[in-house]
Each structure stands twice: as C-alpha cells, then as structure tokens.
Amino acid sequence: MFDFDRLDKLIHEKGRLAIMTLLAARAQWPFQDLKAELKMSDGNLITHLRALHQAGYVAYRKEILVRPQTKYELTAKGKKAFENYLEVLEEMVRSAKQ
C-alpha cells in the first residue's frame, strides 16, 4: 500500500499546487499575472502565497516600475519540495498501474 503521508500537504492543496506548478514553469510571476492565470481573488491568492512563503517555498520581490509590482518565484527549498512532490506522485501512479 502506498504511504500517502509522503505527499507534501502544503503543496497538495489545489490552489497551492497550481501556484507551485506555474512558478516551476517560469522563473518569476508578477502577482497580477498569477491572479489572472489562476482566476483567484486577491485574498485567496495572497493567503496561499503567504503559506508558501512562510514554509520557505516562495520568495517575493517588490519593484516600482510605472507602479508597484510584486514578483514571486520558487526558492531552492521550494524547487526541491516540488520535485519531491512530483516524484511521490509518479510513484503513486506507477504503483497503481502494477
């Protein structure tokens, strides 16, 4: 039987999994782009980003261009956590196919 406790519960939540997936695919994402891509409210998105930031999975940087903009990216810890999460999912799929 597969040990489901190996899944990172922080990443496994749908909204945070979506955020991690986007951040893994592109180095940086401005807040407004994440919001548009994920179709989340400001409050929902910032709540998920805070949880990921507190875990050390996501970093952010505020810039002032024409107007203030906050960009998010995975940290080295976040990249490793996401890679481990994907490996566990792949193991689950393999075990289900056997």
Protein backbone atom coordinates (compact mmCIF):
# COMPACT_ATOMS: atom_id res chain seq x y z
CA MET A 1 0.00 0.00 0.00
CA PHE A 2 1.22 3.48 -0.81
CA ASP A 3 2.15 5.80 2.08
CA PHE A 4 0.03 8.91 1.37
CA ASP A 5 1.67 10.74 4.26
CA ARG A 6 4.65 11.21 1.97
CA LEU A 7 2.68 13.82 0.00
CA ASP A 8 3.60 17.37 1.00
CA LYS A 9 0.29 18.55 2.44
CA LEU A 10 1.19 22.19 1.94
CA ILE A 11 1.71 21.74 -1.81
CA HIS A 12 -1.09 19.21 -2.24
CA GLU A 13 -3.90 21.76 -1.76
CA LYS A 14 -5.31 22.64 -5.20
CA GLY A 15 -4.57 26.37 -5.16
CA ARG A 16 -1.03 25.98 -3.85
CA LEU A 17 -0.33 23.15 -6.28
CA ALA A 18 -1.41 25.45 -9.12
CA ILE A 19 0.85 28.24 -7.84
CA MET A 20 3.83 25.91 -7.45
CA THR A 21 3.28 24.49 -10.93
CA LEU A 22 3.26 27.95 -12.52
CA LEU A 23 6.30 29.08 -10.57
CA ALA A 24 8.17 25.93 -11.57
CA ALA A 25 7.41 26.60 -15.23
CA ARG A 26 8.61 30.22 -15.30
CA ALA A 27 11.25 31.92 -13.18
CA GLN A 28 9.12 34.83 -11.96
CA TRP A 29 5.45 35.73 -11.94
CA PRO A 30 4.02 39.13 -11.09
CA PHE A 31 1.11 38.92 -8.65
CA GLN A 32 -1.40 40.23 -11.21
CA ASP A 33 -0.31 37.61 -13.78
CA LEU A 34 -0.69 34.79 -11.24
CA LYS A 35 -4.09 36.14 -10.29
CA ALA A 36 -5.23 36.28 -13.92
CA GLU A 37 -3.83 32.86 -14.83
CA LEU A 38 -5.29 31.12 -11.78
CA LYS A 39 -8.55 33.10 -11.70
CA MET A 40 -8.21 33.64 -7.94
CA SER A 41 -9.29 36.59 -5.86
CA ASP A 42 -6.60 38.82 -4.35
CA GLY A 43 -7.35 37.48 -0.87
CA ASN A 44 -7.31 33.82 -1.87
CA LEU A 45 -4.07 34.15 -3.83
CA ILE A 46 -2.24 36.13 -1.17
CA THR A 47 -3.31 33.61 1.51
CA HIS A 48 -1.78 30.75 -0.49
CA LEU A 49 1.35 32.76 -1.32
CA ARG A 50 1.84 33.63 2.35
CA ALA A 51 1.60 29.97 3.37
CA LEU A 52 4.16 29.00 0.72
CA HIS A 53 6.41 31.92 1.71
CA GLN A 54 6.24 31.01 5.41
CA ALA A 55 7.32 27.47 4.52
CA GLY A 56 10.28 28.89 2.61
CA TYR A 57 8.98 27.63 -0.75
CA VAL A 58 8.32 31.01 -2.36
CA ALA A 59 10.20 34.30 -2.35
CA TYR A 60 8.93 37.65 -3.48
CA ARG A 61 10.39 40.96 -4.54
CA LYS A 62 8.65 44.30 -4.75
CA GLU A 63 9.59 46.60 -7.60
CA ILE A 64 8.40 50.01 -8.55
CA LEU A 65 8.25 50.41 -12.30
CA VAL A 66 5.38 52.51 -13.53
CA ARG A 67 3.52 51.33 -10.44
CA PRO A 68 4.45 48.97 -7.59
CA GLN A 69 4.64 45.32 -8.60
CA THR A 70 5.37 42.21 -6.56
CA LYS A 71 7.03 39.26 -8.31
CA TYR A 72 7.08 35.74 -6.94
CA GLU A 73 9.49 32.88 -7.55
CA LEU A 74 10.36 29.49 -6.12
CA THR A 75 13.22 29.30 -3.66
CA ALA A 76 15.76 26.48 -3.83
CA LYS A 77 13.82 24.82 -0.98
CA GLY A 78 10.57 25.27 -2.93
CA LYS A 79 12.06 23.78 -6.10
CA LYS A 80 13.29 20.75 -4.17
CA ALA A 81 9.94 20.33 -2.38
CA PHE A 82 8.08 20.49 -5.69
CA GLU A 83 10.44 17.98 -7.32
CA ASN A 84 9.95 15.63 -4.35
CA TYR A 85 6.18 16.10 -4.57
CA LEU A 86 6.21 15.16 -8.27
CA GLU A 87 8.37 12.11 -7.56
CA VAL A 88 5.88 10.90 -4.95
CA LEU A 89 3.00 11.39 -7.40
CA GLU A 90 4.90 9.44 -10.05
CA GLU A 91 5.46 6.61 -7.56
CA MET A 92 1.73 6.61 -6.80
CA VAL A 93 0.88 6.34 -10.50
CA ARG A 94 3.40 3.54 -11.02
CA SER A 95 2.10 1.59 -8.03
CA ALA A 96 -1.50 1.97 -9.25
CA LYS A 97 -0.57 0.59 -12.67
CA GLN A 98 1.05 -2.55 -11.23
